């Protein structure tokens, strides 16, 4: 797999996490405090999308690896915060999706 394919996979995971957070299926366990997570997730997704478009236009391959690493760390931190790192109000019960 080349770096562009890996970047596409990471971008799709980030978009999926963004959508699931916005429609309320991912819970961070802080009740109303979950709202604080929305802007960083949306901004990270938009930032990654815009950088990907720019790198595709310029056809520059030297920046793909740092973007993939940074976005992967963001995705992993979101996944950690929705599972094991969930807040005390709604502690993690083994389910990833929050179904009301």
Protein backbone atom coordinates (compact mmCIF):
# COMPACT_ATOMS: atom_id res chain seq x y z
CA UNK A 1 0.00 0.00 0.00
CA UNK A 2 1.25 3.41 -0.82
CA UNK A 3 0.96 6.46 1.42
CA UNK A 4 -1.92 8.02 -0.51
CA UNK A 5 -4.07 4.93 0.08
CA UNK A 6 -3.24 4.90 3.78
CA UNK A 7 -4.06 8.61 3.96
CA UNK A 8 -7.43 7.97 2.32
CA UNK A 9 -8.22 5.28 4.89
CA UNK A 10 -7.24 7.54 7.79
CA UNK A 11 -9.29 10.41 6.32
CA UNK A 12 -12.35 8.18 5.97
CA UNK A 13 -12.01 6.99 9.56
CA UNK A 14 -11.73 10.59 10.73
CA UNK A 15 -14.81 11.58 8.71
CA UNK A 16 -16.74 8.62 10.12
CA UNK A 17 -15.77 9.57 13.69
CA UNK A 18 -16.81 13.16 13.01
CA UNK A 19 -20.21 12.11 11.65
CA UNK A 20 -20.83 9.61 14.46
CA UNK A 21 -19.97 12.25 17.05
CA UNK A 22 -22.23 14.86 15.49
CA UNK A 23 -25.26 12.56 15.26
CA UNK A 24 -24.75 11.46 18.85
CA UNK A 25 -23.69 7.84 18.49
CA UNK A 26 -20.28 8.37 20.10
CA UNK A 27 -20.27 9.43 23.72
CA UNK A 28 -17.35 10.84 25.68
CA UNK A 29 -19.03 10.26 29.05
CA UNK A 30 -19.28 13.86 30.19
CA UNK A 31 -22.98 14.44 29.62
CA UNK A 32 -23.46 17.95 28.29
CA UNK A 33 -19.68 18.40 28.42
CA UNK A 34 -19.40 16.24 25.29
CA UNK A 35 -20.00 19.43 23.32
CA UNK A 36 -16.41 20.51 24.04
CA UNK A 37 -15.16 17.68 21.78
CA UNK A 38 -17.15 18.73 18.70
CA UNK A 39 -15.07 21.71 17.45
CA UNK A 40 -11.67 19.96 17.65
CA UNK A 41 -12.98 16.89 15.83
CA UNK A 42 -14.62 18.99 13.11
CA UNK A 43 -11.54 21.20 12.72
CA UNK A 44 -9.19 18.21 12.57
CA UNK A 45 -11.35 16.61 9.88
CA UNK A 46 -11.55 19.77 7.80
CA UNK A 47 -7.83 20.45 8.22
CA UNK A 48 -6.91 16.93 7.11
CA UNK A 49 -9.30 17.12 4.15
CA UNK A 50 -7.91 20.46 2.96
CA UNK A 51 -4.30 19.35 3.33
CA UNK A 52 -5.07 16.14 1.43
CA UNK A 53 -6.62 18.12 -1.42
CA UNK A 54 -3.66 20.49 -1.53
CA UNK A 55 -1.10 17.67 -1.53
CA UNK A 56 -2.98 15.85 -4.27
CA UNK A 57 -2.92 18.98 -6.44
CA UNK A 58 0.78 19.65 -5.88
CA UNK A 59 1.66 15.95 -6.17
CA UNK A 60 4.19 16.31 -3.35
CA UNK A 61 4.96 13.01 -1.61
CA UNK A 62 7.25 14.15 1.20
CA UNK A 63 4.45 15.39 3.49
CA UNK A 64 2.19 12.33 3.41
CA UNK A 65 3.84 10.47 6.28
CA UNK A 66 3.64 13.29 8.88
CA UNK A 67 0.00 13.94 7.98
CA UNK A 68 -0.82 10.25 8.31
CA UNK A 69 0.92 9.98 11.68
CA UNK A 70 -0.72 13.12 13.11
CA UNK A 71 -4.20 12.18 11.88
CA UNK A 72 -3.81 8.60 13.10
CA UNK A 73 -2.92 9.89 16.56
CA UNK A 74 -5.99 12.13 16.51
CA UNK A 75 -8.19 9.17 15.49
CA UNK A 76 -6.69 6.98 18.21
CA UNK A 77 -7.22 9.66 20.85
CA UNK A 78 -10.87 10.04 19.82
CA UNK A 79 -11.37 6.28 19.98
CA UNK A 80 -9.65 6.13 23.38
CA UNK A 81 -11.82 8.97 24.73
CA UNK A 82 -14.99 7.19 23.61
CA UNK A 83 -13.99 3.86 25.15
CA UNK A 84 -11.55 3.46 28.04
CA UNK A 85 -11.06 7.19 28.65
CA UNK A 86 -14.75 7.94 28.97
CA UNK A 87 -15.80 10.36 31.72
CA UNK A 88 -17.41 9.50 35.02
CA UNK A 89 -20.98 10.48 34.19
CA UNK A 90 -21.42 7.73 31.61
CA UNK A 91 -18.61 5.26 32.29
CA UNK A 92 -17.71 2.76 29.60
CA UNK A 93 -19.81 -0.41 29.70
CA UNK A 94 -18.10 -2.22 26.83
CA UNK A 95 -20.20 -0.71 24.05
CA UNK A 96 -18.72 1.77 21.61
CA UNK A 97 -21.93 3.28 20.25
CA UNK A 98 -24.20 5.23 22.54
CA UNK A 99 -27.76 4.17 21.81
CA UNK A 100 -30.38 6.09 23.72
